[in-house]
Each structure stands twice: as structure tokens, then as C-alpha cells.
Amino acid sequence: MYMPQSQEYKAVKSLENAINDYNWSPRRFAENITSMHKTLQQTLIRTIVEVIKKVGEDDYPVDSRNNASHALCRKIISSGLLDEISLPLI
């Protein structure tokens, strides 16, 4: 469900704008995570886990542009690893 006034929607659109650039570096992004507060790093990882769960849903819209991401998320979900983790807000 899209909620254009929510901070999450605005954050997604901001990230979309940032990564829609051939100079975007996932590695550099990951390296810069260390500049975040440790609690916020954990919140980011909790968010990434939710993204994995969403993209891995059976009814997630897939075509050739995101099929590999969907397949990877499905493998992560089916591994059971996400059921074993706890990422508390500390």
C-alpha cells in the first residue's frame, strides 16, 4: 500500500533517485553505513530484512528486470535464516 505522505515512502523515493545513477556504488553505500549511529544501523538491517521478505513474496510483481532479486530473496527466505534472527531496537 502506497502512502505518499509517509516518511517511508519519501525515503524510498529519495533512495530511488540516488541509485538511478550509473555512478551509484552499492559497495560505497555499504561502507558509508559505518557513519550511522549503531542503533540506526540495526534499524537499517531490520528494514533490509523486511525488503527481502517483501520482494520474496509469491505474488510480488516480477519481470526480467527484477527476477534475479526475487529469486535471491526466495532462497534467503526458504533457508529459514530470517526466522532465526532477532534485531531488537536498542
Foldseek 3Di string as FASTA:
>chain_A
DDDCVDPVNVVVVVVVVVVVDPPDDPVVVVVCLVVDDPLVSLVVVVVVLVVLVQLCDPPHDDDPVCPVSNVVSVVVVVVCVVVPDDRDRD
